[in-house]
Protein backbone atom coordinates (compact mmCIF):
# COMPACT_ATOMS: atom_id res chain seq x y z
CA MET A 1 106.59 90.03 137.21
CA SER A 2 107.95 92.11 134.42
CA GLN A 3 111.50 93.59 135.12
CA SER A 4 112.97 97.08 134.40
CA ARG A 5 116.65 97.43 132.76
CA THR A 6 118.90 100.17 134.17
CA ASP A 7 121.97 98.73 132.46
CA PHE A 8 122.12 101.67 130.14
CA ALA A 9 125.71 101.09 128.59
CA THR A 10 124.90 97.40 127.73
CA LEU A 11 121.90 98.31 125.78
CA PHE A 12 123.94 100.90 123.61
CA VAL A 13 127.18 98.85 123.39
CA ASP A 14 125.62 95.66 122.69
CA GLU A 15 123.08 97.35 120.42
CA VAL A 16 120.29 95.81 122.04
CA ALA A 17 116.82 95.95 119.96
CA LEU A 18 114.48 98.68 121.62
CA LEU A 19 110.88 98.78 121.23
CA ASP A 20 109.99 102.85 121.35
CA VAL A 21 106.23 102.62 122.37
CA ARG A 22 106.17 106.35 121.79
CA ALA A 23 103.88 108.19 119.36
CA PRO A 24 105.59 108.88 115.84
CA VAL A 25 105.71 112.66 116.02
CA GLU A 26 108.16 111.80 119.49
CA PHE A 27 110.35 109.42 117.53
CA ALA A 28 110.40 111.54 114.74
CA LYS A 29 112.30 114.17 117.03
CA GLY A 30 114.64 112.14 118.79
CA ALA A 31 115.30 108.40 118.88
CA PHE A 32 118.01 105.74 119.01
CA PRO A 33 119.60 103.99 116.14
CA GLN A 34 118.52 100.38 117.33
CA ALA A 35 115.04 101.43 118.03
CA VAL A 36 111.92 100.81 116.44
CA ASN A 37 108.74 102.61 116.55
CA LEU A 38 105.41 100.70 117.35
CA PRO A 39 103.41 103.15 119.33
CA LEU A 40 100.56 102.41 121.79
CA MET A 41 98.96 105.69 120.38
CA ASP A 42 99.41 107.36 117.15
CA ASP A 43 99.66 110.94 116.83
CA LEU A 44 95.89 112.05 116.75
CA GLU A 45 95.17 109.41 119.60
CA ARG A 46 97.99 111.02 121.85
CA GLN A 47 96.80 114.48 121.36
CA ARG A 48 93.14 113.87 122.34
CA VAL A 49 94.22 111.92 125.36
CA GLY A 50 96.85 114.98 125.99
CA THR A 51 93.84 117.51 125.95
CA ARG A 52 91.56 115.04 128.34
CA TYR A 53 94.21 115.15 130.95
CA LYS A 54 95.02 119.06 130.90
CA ARG A 55 91.30 119.29 131.06
CA GLN A 56 89.83 116.33 133.33
CA GLY A 57 92.85 114.82 134.92
CA GLN A 58 94.72 111.59 134.85
CA GLN A 59 91.76 109.33 135.11
CA ALA A 60 89.63 110.57 132.65
CA ALA A 61 92.63 110.42 129.90
CA LEU A 62 93.19 106.92 130.95
CA GLU A 63 89.87 106.14 130.23
CA LEU A 64 89.83 107.81 126.83
CA GLY A 65 92.89 105.88 125.95
CA HIS A 66 91.68 102.26 126.83
CA ARG A 67 88.54 103.31 124.30
CA LEU A 68 90.52 104.79 121.39
CA VAL A 69 92.71 101.67 121.76
CA SER A 70 90.52 98.83 122.02
CA GLY A 71 89.14 96.08 120.16
CA GLU A 72 90.58 94.85 116.75
CA LEU A 73 93.04 97.84 116.78
CA LYS A 74 94.46 96.67 120.11
CA ARG A 75 94.82 93.23 118.92
CA ARG A 76 96.71 94.37 115.81
CA ARG A 77 98.69 96.67 117.99
CA ILE A 78 99.83 93.76 120.78
CA GLU A 79 100.53 91.63 117.60
CA SER A 80 102.93 93.90 116.44
CA TRP A 81 104.63 94.14 119.46
CA ALA A 82 104.42 90.43 120.00
CA ARG A 83 106.39 90.16 116.72
CA PHE A 84 108.82 92.16 117.62
CA ALA A 85 109.61 90.70 121.08
CA ARG A 86 109.57 86.97 119.59
CA ALA A 87 111.88 88.55 116.86
CA HIS A 88 114.20 90.21 120.10
CA PRO A 89 113.87 88.05 123.04
CA GLU A 90 116.91 90.06 124.26
CA GLY A 91 115.49 93.52 123.90
CA CYS A 92 113.18 96.00 125.82
CA LEU A 93 110.41 98.65 125.45
CA TYR A 94 110.36 102.31 126.69
CA CYS A 95 107.88 105.44 126.43
CA PHE A 96 109.14 108.88 127.40
CA ARG A 97 109.68 108.38 130.87
CA GLY A 98 109.01 105.04 131.65
CA GLY A 99 105.46 105.66 132.91
CA LEU A 100 102.10 104.82 132.28
CA ARG A 101 102.64 103.98 128.51
CA SER A 102 105.30 101.12 128.75
CA GLN A 103 103.68 100.14 131.71
CA ILE A 104 100.65 99.30 129.52
CA VAL A 105 102.35 97.65 126.47
CA GLN A 106 104.33 95.84 129.28
CA ARG A 107 100.89 94.57 130.81
CA TRP A 108 99.24 93.86 127.68
CA LEU A 109 101.88 91.86 126.10
CA ARG A 110 102.09 89.90 129.38
CA ASP A 111 98.44 89.50 130.08
CA GLU A 112 97.28 88.65 126.15
CA ALA A 113 100.63 87.51 124.21
CA GLY A 114 102.11 85.52 127.21
CA ILE A 115 105.34 87.64 127.04
CA ASP A 116 107.39 89.00 129.58
CA TYR A 117 109.14 91.91 128.08
CA PRO A 118 111.26 94.54 130.20
CA ARG A 119 111.04 97.85 129.92
CA VAL A 120 113.70 100.66 130.40
CA ALA A 121 113.56 102.57 133.97
CA GLY A 122 113.31 106.13 133.33
CA GLY A 123 112.14 105.83 129.59
CA TYR A 124 113.79 107.77 126.70
CA LYS A 125 114.17 110.80 128.78
CA ALA A 126 116.81 108.69 131.08
CA LEU A 127 118.51 106.97 128.16
CA ARG A 128 119.18 110.48 126.44
CA GLY A 129 120.16 111.78 130.04
CA PHE A 130 122.78 109.10 130.15
CA LEU A 131 123.95 109.58 126.67
CA SER A 132 124.17 113.60 127.06
CA GLU A 133 126.71 112.67 130.34
CA VAL A 134 128.80 109.89 128.02
CA ILE A 135 129.42 113.19 125.87
CA GLU A 136 129.95 115.48 128.76
CA ARG A 137 132.20 113.14 130.41
CA ALA A 138 134.52 111.95 127.49
CA VAL A 139 134.70 115.68 126.60
CA VAL A 140 136.52 116.20 130.10
CA GLU A 141 138.08 112.78 130.76
CA CYS A 142 139.83 111.99 127.29
CA GLU A 143 142.75 113.12 125.26
CA TRP A 144 141.70 114.21 122.04
CA VAL A 145 143.63 114.53 118.70
CA ARG A 146 142.87 116.46 115.41
CA ILE A 147 143.72 115.65 112.19
CA GLY A 148 143.53 118.75 109.95
CA GLY A 149 144.84 119.35 106.15
CA LEU A 150 143.45 120.86 102.93
CA THR A 151 140.65 119.57 101.22
CA GLY A 152 141.22 116.26 99.80
CA VAL A 153 144.21 114.86 101.43
CA GLY A 154 142.11 112.21 102.67
CA LYS A 155 141.68 112.74 106.49
CA THR A 156 138.51 110.32 106.31
CA GLU A 157 141.08 107.43 105.18
CA VAL A 158 143.30 108.28 107.86
CA LEU A 159 140.46 107.75 110.58
CA ALA A 160 139.69 104.58 109.23
CA GLY A 161 143.16 103.36 109.41
CA VAL A 162 143.16 103.76 113.35
CA ALA A 163 141.03 101.83 115.87
CA ASN A 164 140.51 105.00 118.43
CA ALA A 165 139.19 107.12 115.57
CA VAL A 166 135.52 108.95 115.69
CA ASP A 167 134.16 109.66 112.45
CA LEU A 168 131.88 112.94 112.78
CA GLU A 169 131.28 113.16 109.38
CA GLY A 170 130.02 109.80 109.31
CA LEU A 171 127.87 110.13 112.00
CA ALA A 172 126.52 112.96 110.31
CA CYS A 173 126.16 111.72 106.95
CA HIS A 174 127.99 114.91 105.35
CA ARG A 175 131.47 115.41 104.23
CA GLY A 176 131.55 118.69 105.90
CA SER A 177 131.83 121.29 103.00
CA SER A 178 129.43 122.94 101.19
CA PHE A 179 129.54 120.22 98.75
CA GLY A 180 129.55 117.73 101.39
CA GLY A 181 125.66 116.65 101.32
CA ARG A 182 124.93 113.01 100.62
CA VAL A 183 121.74 111.30 98.76
CA THR A 184 120.93 110.11 102.30
CA PRO A 185 119.58 112.72 104.52
CA GLN A 186 121.45 114.08 107.67
CA PRO A 187 120.19 112.68 110.93
CA ALA A 188 118.14 115.05 113.44
CA GLN A 189 120.41 117.20 115.60
CA ILE A 190 119.18 114.58 118.54
CA ASP A 191 120.00 111.50 116.66
CA PHE A 192 123.23 112.84 115.87
CA GLU A 193 124.13 113.50 119.13
CA HIS A 194 122.87 109.77 120.18
CA ARG A 195 124.96 108.59 117.53
CA LEU A 196 128.05 110.46 118.93
CA ALA A 197 127.57 109.39 122.21
CA ILE A 198 127.19 105.70 121.16
CA ALA A 199 130.27 105.96 119.39
CA LEU A 200 131.84 107.56 122.29
CA LEU A 201 130.38 104.96 124.58
CA LYS A 202 131.84 101.88 122.68
CA LEU A 203 135.36 103.26 122.25
CA ARG A 204 135.50 104.21 125.99
CA GLU A 205 134.00 100.96 127.30
CA ALA A 206 136.96 99.14 124.95
CA GLY A 207 139.35 101.01 127.35
CA THR A 208 140.50 104.03 124.94
CA ALA A 209 141.27 107.19 126.33
CA ARG A 210 142.98 109.16 123.43
CA LEU A 211 140.38 109.97 120.75
CA ILE A 212 141.25 110.70 117.25
CA VAL A 213 138.90 113.17 115.16
CA GLU A 214 138.64 115.33 112.20
CA ASP A 215 139.30 118.81 112.71
CA GLU A 216 135.89 120.24 112.19
CA GLY A 217 134.14 123.48 112.88
CA GLY A 218 130.93 123.67 114.76
CA ARG A 219 128.83 122.62 112.02
CA ILE A 220 128.44 119.59 109.90
CA GLY A 221 125.83 120.29 107.50
CA ARG A 222 123.19 120.87 109.52
CA CYS A 223 124.38 118.81 112.58
CA MET A 224 125.84 121.18 115.31
CA LEU A 225 128.84 119.44 117.51
CA PRO A 226 127.76 119.95 121.23
CA LEU A 227 129.23 123.24 122.65
CA ALA A 228 131.37 121.76 125.15
CA LEU A 229 133.15 119.34 122.74
CA GLN A 230 133.72 122.41 120.34
CA ARG A 231 135.65 123.97 122.69
CA ARG A 232 137.68 121.17 123.68
CA MET A 233 138.59 120.47 120.09
CA GLN A 234 139.90 124.01 119.52
CA ARG A 235 142.46 123.25 122.45
CA ALA A 236 143.45 119.81 121.14
CA PRO A 237 146.97 119.18 119.69
CA LEU A 238 146.67 119.10 115.64
CA ILE A 239 148.17 116.36 113.18
CA TRP A 240 148.56 118.08 109.99
CA LEU A 241 147.97 115.59 106.73
CA GLU A 242 149.67 116.48 103.63
CA ALA A 243 148.95 115.18 100.25
CA PRO A 244 150.26 116.43 96.52
CA LEU A 245 147.56 118.69 94.79
CA SER A 246 147.01 116.29 92.06
CA GLN A 247 146.21 113.52 94.41
CA ARG A 248 143.53 115.88 96.16
CA ILE A 249 141.78 116.62 92.96
CA GLU A 250 141.54 112.94 92.28
CA ARG A 251 140.14 112.20 95.55
CA VAL A 252 137.85 115.25 95.39
CA LEU A 253 136.82 114.23 92.05
CA LYS A 254 135.92 110.63 93.00
CA ASP A 255 134.04 111.87 96.37
CA TYR A 256 132.12 114.63 95.28
CA VAL A 257 131.63 113.72 91.51
CA ILE A 258 132.20 109.96 90.66
CA ASP A 259 130.77 108.46 93.86
CA LEU A 260 127.92 111.19 94.50
CA ARG A 261 126.69 110.82 90.87
CA ALA A 262 126.71 107.03 91.29
CA GLU A 263 124.45 107.64 94.75
CA PHE A 264 122.08 109.90 93.02
CA ILE A 265 121.71 106.93 90.00
CA ALA A 266 121.19 104.46 92.19
CA ALA A 267 118.60 106.39 94.26
CA PHE A 268 116.85 107.95 91.36
CA GLY A 269 117.55 106.14 88.26
CA LEU A 270 119.97 107.17 85.39
CA LYS A 271 118.24 110.41 84.04
CA PRO A 272 116.42 111.72 87.25
CA GLY A 273 120.00 110.60 89.23
CA LEU A 274 121.76 112.80 86.73
CA GLU A 275 119.55 115.66 86.98
CA HIS A 276 119.77 115.61 90.86
CA PHE A 277 123.25 115.34 91.02
CA ALA A 278 123.87 118.37 88.62
CA GLU A 279 121.32 120.39 90.71
CA ARG A 280 122.95 119.53 93.88
CA LEU A 281 126.42 120.48 92.50
CA GLU A 282 125.43 123.98 91.11
CA GLN A 283 123.56 124.50 94.40
CA SER A 284 126.60 123.67 96.25
CA LEU A 285 128.48 125.97 94.28
CA ALA A 286 125.96 128.71 94.37
CA SER A 287 126.10 128.96 98.05
CA LEU A 288 129.38 129.86 97.96
CA SER A 289 129.00 132.86 95.48
CA LYS A 290 129.36 135.66 97.89
CA ARG A 291 132.56 134.39 99.31
CA LEU A 292 133.95 133.27 95.72
CA GLY A 293 133.16 136.88 94.53
CA VAL A 294 131.31 137.27 91.17
CA GLU A 295 133.87 136.96 88.44
CA ARG A 296 135.39 133.90 90.25
CA TYR A 297 131.74 132.42 90.77
CA ARG A 298 131.05 132.77 87.21
CA ARG A 299 134.32 131.21 86.09
CA LEU A 300 133.52 128.38 88.15
CA ALA A 301 130.07 128.06 87.15
CA ALA A 302 130.86 127.97 83.71
CA LEU A 303 133.20 125.29 84.03
CA MET A 304 130.80 123.16 86.19
CA SER A 305 128.01 123.75 83.63
CA TRP A 306 130.30 122.42 80.65
CA ALA A 307 131.33 119.42 82.63
CA LEU A 308 127.91 118.79 83.71
CA ALA A 309 126.67 119.02 79.65
CA SER A 310 129.85 116.69 78.43
CA SER A 311 129.48 113.23 77.76
CA ALA A 312 131.00 111.00 80.73
CA GLU A 313 134.23 110.12 79.04
CA GLU A 314 134.76 113.83 78.59
CA SER A 315 133.38 115.31 81.77
CA LEU A 316 136.12 114.21 84.02
CA ALA A 317 138.93 116.33 82.73
CA LEU A 318 136.24 119.10 82.71
CA HIS A 319 135.29 118.43 86.24
CA ARG A 320 139.02 118.34 87.31
CA GLY A 321 139.23 122.15 85.90
CA TRP A 322 136.92 123.51 88.45
CA ILE A 323 137.92 121.30 91.50
CA HIS A 324 141.56 122.48 90.68
CA LEU A 325 140.41 126.43 90.41
CA LEU A 326 138.21 125.89 93.89
CA LEU A 327 140.95 124.36 95.98
CA ASP A 328 143.79 126.55 94.64
CA GLU A 329 141.87 129.81 94.78
CA TYR A 330 139.28 129.08 97.45
CA TYR A 331 139.73 126.32 99.96
CA ASP A 332 143.32 125.90 99.94
CA PRO A 333 143.98 129.62 101.37
CA ILE A 334 141.39 128.86 104.09
CA TYR A 335 142.83 125.99 105.28
CA ARG A 336 146.55 127.13 105.45
CA TYR A 337 145.58 130.19 107.11
CA GLN A 338 143.81 128.03 109.79
CA ARG A 339 147.13 125.91 109.95
CA ASP A 340 149.18 128.90 110.20
CA SER A 341 147.17 130.21 113.14
CA GLN A 342 147.43 126.96 115.28
CA GLN A 343 150.83 126.47 114.34
CA GLN A 344 151.88 125.90 118.05
CA GLN A 345 149.29 123.15 118.50
CA VAL A 346 150.58 121.00 115.36
CA LEU A 347 152.18 117.83 116.81
CA PHE A 348 153.38 116.44 113.33
CA SER A 349 152.92 116.90 109.77
CA GLY A 350 153.20 114.43 106.65
CA GLU A 351 151.77 112.43 104.23
CA ARG A 352 149.07 109.44 104.99
CA GLU A 353 151.68 106.79 105.86
CA ALA A 354 153.71 108.90 108.03
CA VAL A 355 150.56 110.06 109.85
CA LEU A 356 149.09 106.55 110.25
CA ASP A 357 152.66 105.72 111.45
CA TYR A 358 152.74 108.45 114.20
CA LEU A 359 149.37 107.86 115.27
CA ARG A 360 150.06 104.22 115.83
CA SER A 361 152.82 105.21 117.91
CA MET A 362 151.08 107.33 120.02
CA ALA A 363 148.97 104.35 120.73
CA CYS A 364 151.74 102.13 122.11
CA ALA A 365 153.46 104.97 124.16
CA ARG A 366 149.83 104.89 126.12
């Protein structure tokens, strides 16, 4: 008899392969990092069966579904599921609620491919509910500490240096500022929440009770932090990371110019990549135009345009020019104001090594 799996934590901590048999449109709205979509029905088939269900009931819908997925089409789909199951014998399958679709796939695999493959009890809905509860419990039960600092101080590098950090920007595939977009698109909101929950789950299963995160607003690019987490982070103590302006300019240059340009070239080829890169930088600056003011925006745009039109050797010095101006006249005053308004929450201030030592001493004190 085919079995159901209810050990949801194990599925995510061990990154167990998941066979998602929902329709592609459902998968696109939200899925799990280790899931592969091999649907029982495609979007059109699902729509037709759903319409039949509403008009004539479950039995009529089932009969239509079996007619739509039959013969050679059925054989191909069973073979694709069988390949997945053979490649991932430890895995399991699911549909939306763990109901008819996953039961049908499970039965066809058993009867026609000789594979007894477990399904997730409650399906996608139960797994999503479990991950939502992981976030809710972590917000309430864990101690949270924020890492703040001016733009370019290297907060992400500090997070990478401690074992109990959650890299929110990494999970959102975005560096967090107007210039923070990457070549790789951001995950859908639901997928971001899933990634966040799984990261929290893994840390908590390892016994972590204090979580270190970068000080973020409510939004990272287009990804929103869960409201309860936003509020919890606002109350969390703050560690302020410092670095000289010269170092910050070089770090911003590397992240937002050198590395980003290389990402675009790798994705699109040399000439189109450079065009896409230039367009991205100019759009990022334009998104700040109202807050910068007309005169300052024009100065920055002219410097950026000059840098983008220059040879590779000349351009770095010119890019440093607009980066320096943007940090000194725009970002730094904003972040200094935010720091001053939260001065009572600041536990420690210092440069990278001092902050890392402090964080490690906090871990030892637990």
